[in-house]
Amino acid sequence: QVQLVESGGGLAQPGGSLQLSCEISGTIFGLNALGWYRRVPGKERERVATITPTGITAYVDSVKGRFTISRANAKTIYLQMDSLEAEDTAVYYCWALSAQTYWGQGTQVTVSS
């Protein structure tokens, strides 16, 4: 059974940094991409960053130049978040795409002074 478990969320000040981690247990066959989504209450879930097995990355415009997605190995990805803004406050979800979609349980990120 595949499970995605996020960690590293919390409280940061505007301009600060946080790093999210996602550990994947189980085997995902035919993996197409890994990434991070976020959701603010009352809004649609937003795709933040993705990375393919070959290392190709993509970002939503609002985080370009501030967030970096990376992979330690086939089972662990990170989201380095720098220059955080209040608008980055959301629940962040780890995501994996193959023939089906897998989601983590989410981790809260709050940016506030």
PDB file of N, CA and C in Angstrom:
ATOM      1  N   GLN A   1       0.851  -1.190   0.000  1.00  0.00           N
ATOM      2  CA  GLN A   1       0.000   0.000   0.000  1.00  0.00           C
ATOM      3  C   GLN A   1       0.885   1.236   0.000  1.00  0.00           C
ATOM      4  N   VAL A   2       0.573   2.179  -0.867  1.00  0.00           N
ATOM      5  CA  VAL A   2       1.361   3.403  -0.984  1.00  0.00           C
ATOM      6  C   VAL A   2       0.860   4.434   0.015  1.00  0.00           C
ATOM      7  N   GLN A   3       1.800   5.052   0.715  1.00  0.00           N
ATOM      8  CA  GLN A   3       1.475   6.144   1.618  1.00  0.00           C
ATOM      9  C   GLN A   3       2.461   7.275   1.403  1.00  0.00           C
ATOM     10  N   LEU A   4       1.945   8.502   1.452  1.00  0.00           N
ATOM     11  CA  LEU A   4       2.775   9.699   1.373  1.00  0.00           C
ATOM     12  C   LEU A   4       2.621  10.443   2.684  1.00  0.00           C
ATOM     13  N   VAL A   5       3.737  10.747   3.323  1.00  0.00           N
ATOM     14  CA  VAL A   5       3.693  11.402   4.627  1.00  0.00           C
ATOM     15  C   VAL A   5       4.522  12.677   4.575  1.00  0.00           C
ATOM     16  N   GLU A   6       3.860  13.809   4.802  1.00  0.00           N
ATOM     17  CA  GLU A   6       4.528  15.102   4.799  1.00  0.00           C
ATOM     18  C   GLU A   6       5.014  15.457   6.200  1.00  0.00           C
ATOM     19  N   SER A   7       6.044  16.279   6.236  1.00  0.00           N
ATOM     20  CA  SER A   7       6.522  16.855   7.491  1.00  0.00           C
ATOM     21  C   SER A   7       7.184  18.185   7.179  1.00  0.00           C
ATOM     22  N   GLY A   8       7.399  18.982   8.237  1.00  0.00           N
ATOM     23  CA  GLY A   8       8.146  20.225   8.081  1.00  0.00           C
ATOM     24  C   GLY A   8       7.302  21.476   8.053  1.00  0.00           C
ATOM     25  N   GLY A   9       5.991  21.348   8.122  1.00  0.00           N
ATOM     26  CA  GLY A   9       5.168  22.541   8.164  1.00  0.00           C
ATOM     27  C   GLY A   9       5.300  23.255   9.495  1.00  0.00           C
ATOM     28  N   GLY A  10       4.658  24.405   9.589  1.00  0.00           N
ATOM     29  CA  GLY A  10       4.713  25.151  10.831  1.00  0.00           C
ATOM     30  C   GLY A  10       4.494  26.624  10.593  1.00  0.00           C
ATOM     31  N   LEU A  11       5.004  27.416  11.533  1.00  0.00           N
ATOM     32  CA  LEU A  11       4.843  28.861  11.496  1.00  0.00           C
ATOM     33  C   LEU A  11       6.139  29.524  11.072  1.00  0.00           C
ATOM     34  N   ALA A  12       6.043  30.451  10.151  1.00  0.00           N
ATOM     35  CA  ALA A  12       7.208  31.228   9.732  1.00  0.00           C
ATOM     36  C   ALA A  12       6.810  32.687   9.601  1.00  0.00           C
ATOM     37  N   GLN A  13       7.780  33.560   9.752  1.00  0.00           N
ATOM     38  CA  GLN A  13       7.527  34.991   9.567  1.00  0.00           C
ATOM     39  C   GLN A  13       7.633  35.345   8.090  1.00  0.00           C
ATOM     40  N   PRO A  14       6.975  36.396   7.664  1.00  0.00           N
ATOM     41  CA  PRO A  14       7.160  36.860   6.285  1.00  0.00           C
ATOM     42  C   PRO A  14       8.639  37.075   5.991  1.00  0.00           C
ATOM     43  N   GLY A  15       9.074  36.577   4.831  1.00  0.00           N
ATOM     44  CA  GLY A  15      10.488  36.643   4.479  1.00  0.00           C
ATOM     45  C   GLY A  15      11.290  35.462   4.958  1.00  0.00           C
ATOM     46  N   GLY A  16      10.693  34.625   5.781  1.00  0.00           N
ATOM     47  CA  GLY A  16      11.387  33.469   6.333  1.00  0.00           C
ATOM     48  C   GLY A  16      11.346  32.265   5.406  1.00  0.00           C
ATOM     49  N   SER A  17      11.824  31.137   5.933  1.00  0.00           N
ATOM     50  CA  SER A  17      11.933  29.910   5.150  1.00  0.00           C
ATOM     51  C   SER A  17      11.387  28.717   5.914  1.00  0.00           C
ATOM     52  N   LEU A  18      10.914  27.745   5.165  1.00  0.00           N
ATOM     53  CA  LEU A  18      10.535  26.439   5.692  1.00  0.00           C
ATOM     54  C   LEU A  18      10.887  25.405   4.631  1.00  0.00           C
ATOM     55  N   GLN A  19      11.154  24.190   5.083  1.00  0.00           N
ATOM     56  CA  GLN A  19      11.348  23.096   4.138  1.00  0.00           C
ATOM     57  C   GLN A  19      10.362  21.981   4.456  1.00  0.00           C
ATOM     58  N   LEU A  20       9.594  21.593   3.474  1.00  0.00           N
ATOM     59  CA  LEU A  20       8.680  20.461   3.602  1.00  0.00           C
ATOM     60  C   LEU A  20       9.340  19.206   3.041  1.00  0.00           C
ATOM     61  N   SER A  21       9.052  18.086   3.676  1.00  0.00           N
ATOM     62  CA  SER A  21       9.541  16.789   3.210  1.00  0.00           C
ATOM     63  C   SER A  21       8.364  15.858   2.985  1.00  0.00           C
ATOM     64  N   CYS A  22       8.524  14.952   2.058  1.00  0.00           N
ATOM     65  CA  CYS A  22       7.508  13.935   1.794  1.00  0.00           C
ATOM     66  C   CYS A  22       8.208  12.589   1.634  1.00  0.00           C
ATOM     67  N   GLU A  23       7.846  11.668   2.503  1.00  0.00           N
ATOM     68  CA  GLU A  23       8.376  10.317   2.442  1.00  0.00           C
ATOM     69  C   GLU A  23       7.319   9.393   1.847  1.00  0.00           C
ATOM     70  N   ILE A  24       7.720   8.605   0.869  1.00  0.00           N
ATOM     71  CA  ILE A  24       6.800   7.709   0.186  1.00  0.00           C
ATOM     72  C   ILE A  24       7.114   6.275   0.588  1.00  0.00           C
ATOM     73  N   SER A  25       6.112   5.582   1.089  1.00  0.00           N
ATOM     74  CA  SER A  25       6.273   4.164   1.393  1.00  0.00           C
ATOM     75  C   SER A  25       5.470   3.353   0.386  1.00  0.00           C
ATOM     76  N   GLY A  26       5.921   2.132   0.150  1.00  0.00           N
ATOM     77  CA  GLY A  26       5.283   1.327  -0.878  1.00  0.00           C
ATOM     78  C   GLY A  26       5.886   1.627  -2.234  1.00  0.00           C
ATOM     79  N   THR A  27       5.423   0.948  -3.235  1.00  0.00           N
ATOM     80  CA  THR A  27       5.961   1.093  -4.587  1.00  0.00           C
ATOM     81  C   THR A  27       4.913   1.670  -5.517  1.00  0.00           C
ATOM     82  N   ILE A  28       5.303   2.734  -6.221  1.00  0.00           N
ATOM     83  CA  ILE A  28       4.428   3.334  -7.225  1.00  0.00           C
ATOM     84  C   ILE A  28       4.938   2.903  -8.587  1.00  0.00           C
ATOM     85  N   PHE A  29       4.151   2.128  -9.288  1.00  0.00           N
ATOM     86  CA  PHE A  29       4.530   1.654 -10.614  1.00  0.00           C
ATOM     87  C   PHE A  29       4.145   2.689 -11.667  1.00  0.00           C
ATOM     88  N   GLY A  30       5.026   2.894 -12.608  1.00  0.00           N
ATOM     89  CA  GLY A  30       4.717   3.824 -13.684  1.00  0.00           C
ATOM     90  C   GLY A  30       4.602   5.266 -13.224  1.00  0.00           C
ATOM     91  N   LEU A  31       5.490   5.666 -12.343  1.00  0.00           N
ATOM     92  CA  LEU A  31       5.434   7.033 -11.803  1.00  0.00           C
ATOM     93  C   LEU A  31       5.654   8.058 -12.897  1.00  0.00           C
ATOM     94  N   ASN A  32       4.767   9.025 -12.961  1.00  0.00           N
ATOM     95  CA  ASN A  32       4.883  10.104 -13.943  1.00  0.00           C
ATOM     96  C   ASN A  32       5.440  11.385 -13.341  1.00  0.00           C
ATOM     97  N   ALA A  33       5.053  11.665 -12.098  1.00  0.00           N
ATOM     98  CA  ALA A  33       5.517  12.905 -11.479  1.00  0.00           C
ATOM     99  C   ALA A  33       5.230  12.861  -9.986  1.00  0.00           C
ATOM    100  N   LEU A  34       5.987  13.670  -9.263  1.00  0.00           N
ATOM    101  CA  LEU A  34       5.766  13.935  -7.847  1.00  0.00           C
ATOM    102  C   LEU A  34       5.621  15.436  -7.679  1.00  0.00           C
ATOM    103  N   GLY A  35       5.005  15.841  -6.583  1.00  0.00           N
ATOM    104  CA  GLY A  35       4.912  17.283  -6.414  1.00  0.00           C
ATOM    105  C   GLY A  35       4.185  17.703  -5.166  1.00  0.00           C
ATOM    106  N   TRP A  36       3.871  18.989  -5.148  1.00  0.00           N
ATOM    107  CA  TRP A  36       3.209  19.615  -4.005  1.00  0.00           C
ATOM    108  C   TRP A  36       2.027  20.446  -4.492  1.00  0.00           C
ATOM    109  N   TYR A  37       0.923  20.300  -3.784  1.00  0.00           N
ATOM    110  CA  TYR A  37      -0.251  21.144  -3.965  1.00  0.00           C
ATOM    111  C   TYR A  37      -0.479  21.885  -2.656  1.00  0.00           C
ATOM    112  N   ARG A  38      -1.309  22.902  -2.708  1.00  0.00           N
ATOM    113  CA  ARG A  38      -1.725  23.578  -1.490  1.00  0.00           C
ATOM    114  C   ARG A  38      -3.189  23.989  -1.606  1.00  0.00           C
ATOM    115  N   ARG A  39      -3.803  24.120  -0.433  1.00  0.00           N
ATOM    116  CA  ARG A  39      -5.206  24.512  -0.397  1.00  0.00           C
ATOM    117  C   ARG A  39      -5.418  25.521   0.717  1.00  0.00           C
ATOM    118  N   VAL A  40      -6.066  26.604   0.339  1.00  0.00           N
ATOM    119  CA  VAL A  40      -6.510  27.609   1.297  1.00  0.00           C
ATOM    120  C   VAL A  40      -8.013  27.415   1.475  1.00  0.00           C
ATOM    121  N   PRO A  41      -8.517  27.461   2.705  1.00  0.00           N
ATOM    122  CA  PRO A  41      -9.957  27.277   2.919  1.00  0.00           C
ATOM    123  C   PRO A  41     -10.773  28.197   2.028  1.00  0.00           C
ATOM    124  N   GLY A  42     -11.761  27.621   1.341  1.00  0.00           N
ATOM    125  CA  GLY A  42     -12.633  28.409   0.487  1.00  0.00           C
ATOM    126  C   GLY A  42     -12.129  28.592  -0.924  1.00  0.00           C
ATOM    127  N   LYS A  43     -10.924  28.055  -1.210  1.00  0.00           N
ATOM    128  CA  LYS A  43     -10.350  28.194  -2.550  1.00  0.00           C
ATOM    129  C   LYS A  43     -10.064  26.824  -3.151  1.00  0.00           C
ATOM    130  N   GLU A  44      -9.858  26.819  -4.456  1.00  0.00           N
ATOM    131  CA  GLU A  44      -9.504  25.588  -5.151  1.00  0.00           C
ATOM    132  C   GLU A  44      -8.089  25.153  -4.763  1.00  0.00           C
ATOM    133  N   ARG A  45      -7.877  23.843  -4.790  1.00  0.00           N
ATOM    134  CA  ARG A  45      -6.531  23.336  -4.557  1.00  0.00           C
ATOM    135  C   ARG A  45      -5.644  23.785  -5.705  1.00  0.00           C
ATOM    136  N   GLU A  46      -4.423  24.179  -5.383  1.00  0.00           N
ATOM    137  CA  GLU A  46      -3.506  24.763  -6.355  1.00  0.00           C
ATOM    138  C   GLU A  46      -2.236  23.913  -6.449  1.00  0.00           C
ATOM    139  N   ARG A  47      -1.838  23.612  -7.679  1.00  0.00           N
ATOM    140  CA  ARG A  47      -0.589  22.878  -7.862  1.00  0.00           C
ATOM    141  C   ARG A  47       0.572  23.861  -7.714  1.00  0.00           C
ATOM    142  N   VAL A  48       1.482  23.578  -6.820  1.00  0.00           N
ATOM    143  CA  VAL A  48       2.568  24.490  -6.492  1.00  0.00           C
ATOM    144  C   VAL A  48       3.823  24.162  -7.278  1.00  0.00           C
ATOM    145  N   ALA A  49       4.236  22.898  -7.234  1.00  0.00           N
ATOM    146  CA  ALA A  49       5.487  22.502  -7.888  1.00  0.00           C
ATOM    147  C   ALA A  49       5.438  21.019  -8.198  1.00  0.00           C
ATOM    148  N   THR A  50       6.071  20.636  -9.306  1.00  0.00           N
ATOM    149  CA  THR A  50       6.140  19.235  -9.679  1.00  0.00           C
ATOM    150  C   THR A  50       7.547  18.888 -10.148  1.00  0.00           C
ATOM    151  N   ILE A  51       7.870  17.604 -10.073  1.00  0.00           N
ATOM    152  CA  ILE A  51       9.157  17.116 -10.564  1.00  0.00           C
ATOM    153  C   ILE A  51       8.939  15.750 -11.185  1.00  0.00           C
ATOM    154  N   THR A  52       9.538  15.531 -12.347  1.00  0.00           N
ATOM    155  CA  THR A  52       9.392  14.248 -13.029  1.00  0.00           C
ATOM    156  C   THR A  52      10.519  13.312 -12.607  1.00  0.00           C
ATOM    157  N   PRO A  53      10.410  12.027 -12.935  1.00  0.00           N
ATOM    158  CA  PRO A  53      11.503  11.096 -12.612  1.00  0.00           C
ATOM    159  C   PRO A  53      12.836  11.494 -13.250  1.00  0.00           C
ATOM    160  N   THR A  54      12.794  12.265 -14.329  1.00  0.00           N
ATOM    161  CA  THR A  54      14.030  12.713 -14.966  1.00  0.00           C
ATOM    162  C   THR A  54      14.507  14.055 -14.432  1.00  0.00           C
ATOM    163  N   GLY A  55      13.776  14.604 -13.451  1.00  0.00           N
ATOM    164  CA  GLY A  55      14.234  15.827 -12.804  1.00  0.00           C
ATOM    165  C   GLY A  55      13.711  17.119 -13.386  1.00  0.00           C
ATOM    166  N   ILE A  56      12.778  17.039 -14.304  1.00  0.00           N
ATOM    167  CA  ILE A  56      12.200  18.259 -14.861  1.00  0.00           C
ATOM    168  C   ILE A  56      11.231  18.849 -13.845  1.00  0.00           C
ATOM    169  N   THR A  57      11.386  20.129 -13.558  1.00  0.00           N
ATOM    170  CA  THR A  57      10.564  20.786 -12.550  1.00  0.00           C
ATOM    171  C   THR A  57       9.642  21.832 -13.185  1.00  0.00           C
ATOM    172  N   ALA A  58       8.574  22.125 -12.485  1.00  0.00           N
ATOM    173  CA  ALA A  58       7.640  23.164 -12.915  1.00  0.00           C
ATOM    174  C   ALA A  58       7.034  23.801 -11.675  1.00  0.00           C
ATOM    175  N   TYR A  59       6.723  25.092 -11.780  1.00  0.00           N
ATOM    176  CA  TYR A  59       6.211  25.848 -10.642  1.00  0.00           C
ATOM    177  C   TYR A  59       5.049  26.741 -11.066  1.00  0.00           C
ATOM    178  N   VAL A  60       4.150  26.968 -10.129  1.00  0.00           N
ATOM    179  CA  VAL A  60       3.139  27.980 -10.351  1.00  0.00           C
ATOM    180  C   VAL A  60       3.831  29.341 -10.319  1.00  0.00           C
ATOM    181  N   ASP A  61       3.335  30.287 -11.085  1.00  0.00           N
ATOM    182  CA  ASP A  61       4.024  31.571 -11.225  1.00  0.00           C
ATOM    183  C   ASP A  61       4.265  32.259  -9.885  1.00  0.00           C
ATOM    184  N   SER A  62       3.334  32.134  -8.973  1.00  0.00           N
ATOM    185  CA  SER A  62       3.421  32.880  -7.713  1.00  0.00           C
ATOM    186  C   SER A  62       4.574  32.442  -6.824  1.00  0.00           C
ATOM    187  N   VAL A  63       5.166  31.279  -7.081  1.00  0.00           N
ATOM    188  CA  VAL A  63       6.268  30.799  -6.226  1.00  0.00           C
ATOM    189  C   VAL A  63       7.590  30.720  -6.978  1.00  0.00           C
ATOM    190  N   LYS A  64       7.595  31.014  -8.251  1.00  0.00           N
ATOM    191  CA  LYS A  64       8.840  30.944  -9.027  1.00  0.00           C
ATOM    192  C   LYS A  64       9.894  31.873  -8.438  1.00  0.00           C
ATOM    193  N   GLY A  65      11.107  31.340  -8.290  1.00  0.00           N
ATOM    194  CA  GLY A  65      12.185  32.114  -7.710  1.00  0.00           C
ATOM    195  C   GLY A  65      12.211  32.097  -6.198  1.00  0.00           C
ATOM    196  N   ARG A  66      11.173  31.559  -5.567  1.00  0.00           N
ATOM    197  CA  ARG A  66      11.120  31.493  -4.105  1.00  0.00           C
ATOM    198  C   ARG A  66      11.089  30.064  -3.584  1.00  0.00           C
ATOM    199  N   PHE A  67      10.434  29.167  -4.306  1.00  0.00           N
ATOM    200  CA  PHE A  67      10.307  27.768  -3.887  1.00  0.00           C
ATOM    201  C   PHE A  67      11.150  26.889  -4.792  1.00  0.00           C
ATOM    202  N   THR A  68      11.681  25.804  -4.218  1.00  0.00           N
ATOM    203  CA  THR A  68      12.459  24.843  -4.988  1.00  0.00           C
ATOM    204  C   THR A  68      12.035  23.437  -4.621  1.00  0.00           C
ATOM    205  N   ILE A  69      11.654  22.663  -5.623  1.00  0.00           N
ATOM    206  CA  ILE A  69      11.318  21.259  -5.400  1.00  0.00           C
ATOM    207  C   ILE A  69      12.528  20.407  -5.759  1.00  0.00           C
ATOM    208  N   SER A  70      12.765  19.369  -4.971  1.00  0.00           N
ATOM    209  CA  SER A  70      13.902  18.493  -5.254  1.00  0.00           C
ATOM    210  C   SER A  70      13.593  17.083  -4.769  1.00  0.00           C
ATOM    211  N   ARG A  71      14.433  16.136  -5.225  1.00  0.00           N
ATOM    212  CA  ARG A  71      14.290  14.741  -4.822  1.00  0.00           C
ATOM    213  C   ARG A  71      15.592  14.266  -4.207  1.00  0.00           C
ATOM    214  N   ALA A  72      15.489  13.600  -3.071  1.00  0.00           N
ATOM    215  CA  ALA A  72      16.668  12.964  -2.486  1.00  0.00           C
ATOM    216  C   ALA A  72      16.881  11.602  -3.126  1.00  0.00           C
ATOM    217  N   ASN A  73      15.784  10.924  -3.429  1.00  0.00           N
ATOM    218  CA  ASN A  73      15.811   9.603  -4.046  1.00  0.00           C
ATOM    219  C   ASN A  73      14.400   9.330  -4.567  1.00  0.00           C
ATOM    220  N   ALA A  74      14.116   8.069  -4.876  1.00  0.00           N
ATOM    221  CA  ALA A  74      12.805   7.752  -5.433  1.00  0.00           C
ATOM    222  C   ALA A  74      11.692   7.835  -4.405  1.00  0.00           C
ATOM    223  N   LYS A  75      12.073   7.954  -3.121  1.00  0.00           N
ATOM    224  CA  LYS A  75      11.084   7.874  -2.049  1.00  0.00           C
ATOM    225  C   LYS A  75      10.917   9.172  -1.262  1.00  0.00           C
ATOM    226  N   THR A  76      11.739  10.174  -1.561  1.00  0.00           N
ATOM    227  CA  THR A  76      11.720  11.390  -0.753  1.00  0.00           C
ATOM    228  C   THR A  76      11.806  12.625  -1.638  1.00  0.00           C
ATOM    229  N   ILE A  77      10.868  13.547  -1.438  1.00  0.00           N
ATOM    230  CA  ILE A  77      10.969  14.835  -2.121  1.00  0.00           C
ATOM    231  C   ILE A  77      10.862  15.953  -1.086  1.00  0.00           C
ATOM    232  N   TYR A  78      11.339  17.112  -1.499  1.00  0.00           N
ATOM    233  CA  TYR A  78      11.354  18.272  -0.635  1.00  0.00           C
ATOM    234  C   TYR A  78      10.737  19.470  -1.349  1.00  0.00           C
ATOM    235  N   LEU A  79      10.292  20.417  -0.540  1.00  0.00           N
ATOM    236  CA  LEU A  79       9.909  21.719  -1.063  1.00  0.00           C
ATOM    237  C   LEU A  79      10.566  22.761  -0.163  1.00  0.00           C
ATOM    238  N   GLN A  80      11.596  23.392  -0.691  1.00  0.00           N
ATOM    239  CA  GLN A  80      12.263  24.475   0.019  1.00  0.00           C
ATOM    240  C   GLN A  80      11.515  25.756  -0.286  1.00  0.00           C
ATOM    241  N   MET A  81      11.027  26.405   0.754  1.00  0.00           N
ATOM    242  CA  MET A  81      10.228  27.610   0.594  1.00  0.00           C
ATOM    243  C   MET A  81      10.959  28.782   1.227  1.00  0.00           C
ATOM    244  N   ASP A  82      11.400  29.709   0.424  1.00  0.00           N
ATOM    245  CA  ASP A  82      12.105  30.896   0.887  1.00  0.00           C
ATOM    246  C   ASP A  82      11.280  32.147   0.583  1.00  0.00           C
ATOM    247  N   SER A  83      11.662  33.233   1.220  1.00  0.00           N
ATOM    248  CA  SER A  83      10.955  34.517   1.014  1.00  0.00           C
ATOM    249  C   SER A  83       9.451  34.325   1.147  1.00  0.00           C
ATOM    250  N   LEU A  84       9.061  33.652   2.204  1.00  0.00           N
ATOM    251  CA  LEU A  84       7.653  33.338   2.396  1.00  0.00           C
ATOM    252  C   LEU A  84       6.812  34.595   2.546  1.00  0.00           C
ATOM    253  N   GLU A  85       5.597  34.479   2.031  1.00  0.00           N
ATOM    254  CA  GLU A  85       4.635  35.572   2.093  1.00  0.00           C
ATOM    255  C   GLU A  85       3.367  35.078   2.790  1.00  0.00           C
ATOM    256  N   ALA A  86       2.596  36.015   3.309  1.00  0.00           N
ATOM    257  CA  ALA A  86       1.360  35.643   3.993  1.00  0.00           C
ATOM    258  C   ALA A  86       0.444  34.835   3.070  1.00  0.00           C
ATOM    259  N   GLU A  87       0.513  35.124   1.782  1.00  0.00           N
ATOM    260  CA  GLU A  87      -0.331  34.419   0.801  1.00  0.00           C
ATOM    261  C   GLU A  87       0.077  32.965   0.614  1.00  0.00           C
ATOM    262  N   ASP A  88       1.218  32.572   1.148  1.00  0.00           N
ATOM    263  CA  ASP A  88       1.645  31.171   1.077  1.00  0.00           C
ATOM    264  C   ASP A  88       0.999  30.318   2.164  1.00  0.00           C
ATOM    265  N   THR A  89       0.301  30.947   3.078  1.00  0.00           N
ATOM    266  CA  THR A  89      -0.371  30.210   4.139  1.00  0.00           C
ATOM    267  C   THR A  89      -1.407  29.267   3.542  1.00  0.00           C
ATOM    268  N   ALA A  90      -1.277  27.984   3.860  1.00  0.00           N
ATOM    269  CA  ALA A  90      -2.155  26.960   3.284  1.00  0.00           C
ATOM    270  C   ALA A  90      -1.805  25.610   3.899  1.00  0.00           C
ATOM    271  N   VAL A  91      -2.623  24.625   3.604  1.00  0.00           N
ATOM    272  CA  VAL A  91      -2.253  23.238   3.866  1.00  0.00           C
ATOM    273  C   VAL A  91      -1.571  22.716   2.599  1.00  0.00           C
ATOM    274  N   TYR A  92      -0.387  22.174   2.778  1.00  0.00           N
ATOM    275  CA  TYR A  92       0.402  21.682   1.659  1.00  0.00           C
ATOM    276  C   TYR A  92       0.320  20.159   1.608  1.00  0.00           C
ATOM    277  N   TYR A  93       0.078  19.642   0.406  1.00  0.00           N
ATOM    278  CA  TYR A  93      -0.104  18.211   0.196  1.00  0.00           C
ATOM    279  C   TYR A  93       0.954  17.669  -0.757  1.00  0.00           C
ATOM    280  N   CYS A  94       1.536  16.571  -0.374  1.00  0.00           N
ATOM    281  CA  CYS A  94       2.414  15.827  -1.269  1.00  0.00           C
ATOM    282  C   CYS A  94       1.551  15.031  -2.235  1.00  0.00           C
ATOM    283  N   TRP A  95       2.028  14.851  -3.444  1.00  0.00           N
ATOM    284  CA  TRP A  95       1.216  14.273  -4.530  1.00  0.00           C
ATOM    285  C   TRP A  95       2.099  13.408  -5.411  1.00  0.00           C
ATOM    286  N   ALA A  96       1.555  12.285  -5.851  1.00  0.00           N
ATOM    287  CA  ALA A  96       2.259  11.410  -6.777  1.00  0.00           C
ATOM    288  C   ALA A  96       1.290  10.954  -7.845  1.00  0.00           C
ATOM    289  N   LEU A  97       1.749  10.963  -9.084  1.00  0.00           N
ATOM    290  CA  LEU A  97       0.897  10.620 -10.214  1.00  0.00           C
ATOM    291  C   LEU A  97       1.460   9.435 -10.972  1.00  0.00           C
ATOM    292  N   SER A  98       0.646   8.382 -11.081  1.00  0.00           N
ATOM    293  CA  SER A  98       0.967   7.279 -11.981  1.00  0.00           C
ATOM    294  C   SER A  98      -0.340   6.969 -12.712  1.00  0.00           C
ATOM    295  N   ALA A  99      -0.712   5.716 -12.773  1.00  0.00           N
ATOM    296  CA  ALA A  99      -2.024   5.397 -13.340  1.00  0.00           C
ATOM    297  C   ALA A  99      -3.130   5.904 -12.422  1.00  0.00           C
ATOM    298  N   GLN A 100      -2.793   6.112 -11.167  1.00  0.00           N
ATOM    299  CA  GLN A 100      -3.701   6.753 -10.224  1.00  0.00           C
ATOM    300  C   GLN A 100      -2.969   7.848  -9.490  1.00  0.00           C
ATOM    301  N   THR A 101      -3.730   8.599  -8.726  1.00  0.00           N
ATOM    302  CA  THR A 101      -3.153   9.728  -7.984  1.00  0.00           C
ATOM    303  C   THR A 101      -3.117   9.405  -6.508  1.00  0.00           C
ATOM    304  N   TYR A 102      -1.998   9.735  -5.886  1.00  0.00           N
ATOM    305  CA  TYR A 102      -1.810   9.513  -4.457  1.00  0.00           C
ATOM    306  C   TYR A 102      -1.627  10.862  -3.764  1.00  0.00           C
ATOM    307  N   TRP A 103      -2.155  10.946  -2.550  1.00  0.00           N
ATOM    308  CA  TRP A 103      -2.069  12.179  -1.769  1.00  0.00           C
ATOM    309  C   TRP A 103      -1.588  11.891  -0.356  1.00  0.00           C
ATOM    310  N   GLY A 104      -0.835  12.831   0.185  1.00  0.00           N
ATOM    311  CA  GLY A 104      -0.520  12.789   1.598  1.00  0.00           C
ATOM    312  C   GLY A 104      -1.653  13.405   2.393  1.00  0.00           C
ATOM    313  N   GLN A 105      -1.460  13.425   3.715  1.00  0.00           N
ATOM    314  CA  GLN A 105      -2.519  13.913   4.591  1.00  0.00           C
ATOM    315  C   GLN A 105      -2.495  15.439   4.728  1.00  0.00           C
ATOM    316  N   GLY A 106      -1.397  16.047   4.339  1.00  0.00           N
ATOM    317  CA  GLY A 106      -1.286  17.499   4.391  1.00  0.00           C
ATOM    318  C   GLY A 106      -0.545  17.993   5.617  1.00  0.00           C
ATOM    319  N   THR A 107       0.124  19.125   5.448  1.00  0.00           N
ATOM    320  CA  THR A 107       0.813  19.764   6.561  1.00  0.00           C
ATOM    321  C   THR A 107       0.545  21.262   6.484  1.00  0.00           C
ATOM    322  N   GLN A 108       0.252  21.864   7.626  1.00  0.00           N
ATOM    323  CA  GLN A 108      -0.125  23.276   7.662  1.00  0.00           C
ATOM    324  C   GLN A 108       1.122  24.157   7.620  1.00  0.00           C
ATOM    325  N   VAL A 109       1.081  25.147   6.750  1.00  0.00           N
ATOM    326  CA  VAL A 109       2.103  26.189   6.706  1.00  0.00           C
ATOM    327  C   VAL A 109       1.406  27.524   6.966  1.00  0.00           C
ATOM    328  N   THR A 110       1.881  28.229   7.979  1.00  0.00           N
ATOM    329  CA  THR A 110       1.312  29.523   8.333  1.00  0.00           C
ATOM    330  C   THR A 110       2.416  30.568   8.293  1.00  0.00           C
ATOM    331  N   VAL A 111       2.199  31.617   7.524  1.00  0.00           N
ATOM    332  CA  VAL A 111       3.169  32.707   7.423  1.00  0.00           C
ATOM    333  C   VAL A 111       2.534  33.941   8.047  1.00  0.00           C
ATOM    334  N   SER A 112       3.080  34.350   9.155  1.00  0.00           N
ATOM    335  CA  SER A 112       2.497  35.452   9.902  1.00  0.00           C
ATOM    336  C   SER A 112       3.539  36.080  10.804  1.00  0.00           C
ATOM    337  N   SER A 113       3.431  37.391  11.014  1.00  0.00           N
ATOM    338  CA  SER A 113       4.314  38.069  11.949  1.00  0.00           C
ATOM    339  C   SER A 113       3.670  38.131  13.323  1.00  0.00           C
TER     340      SER A 113
END
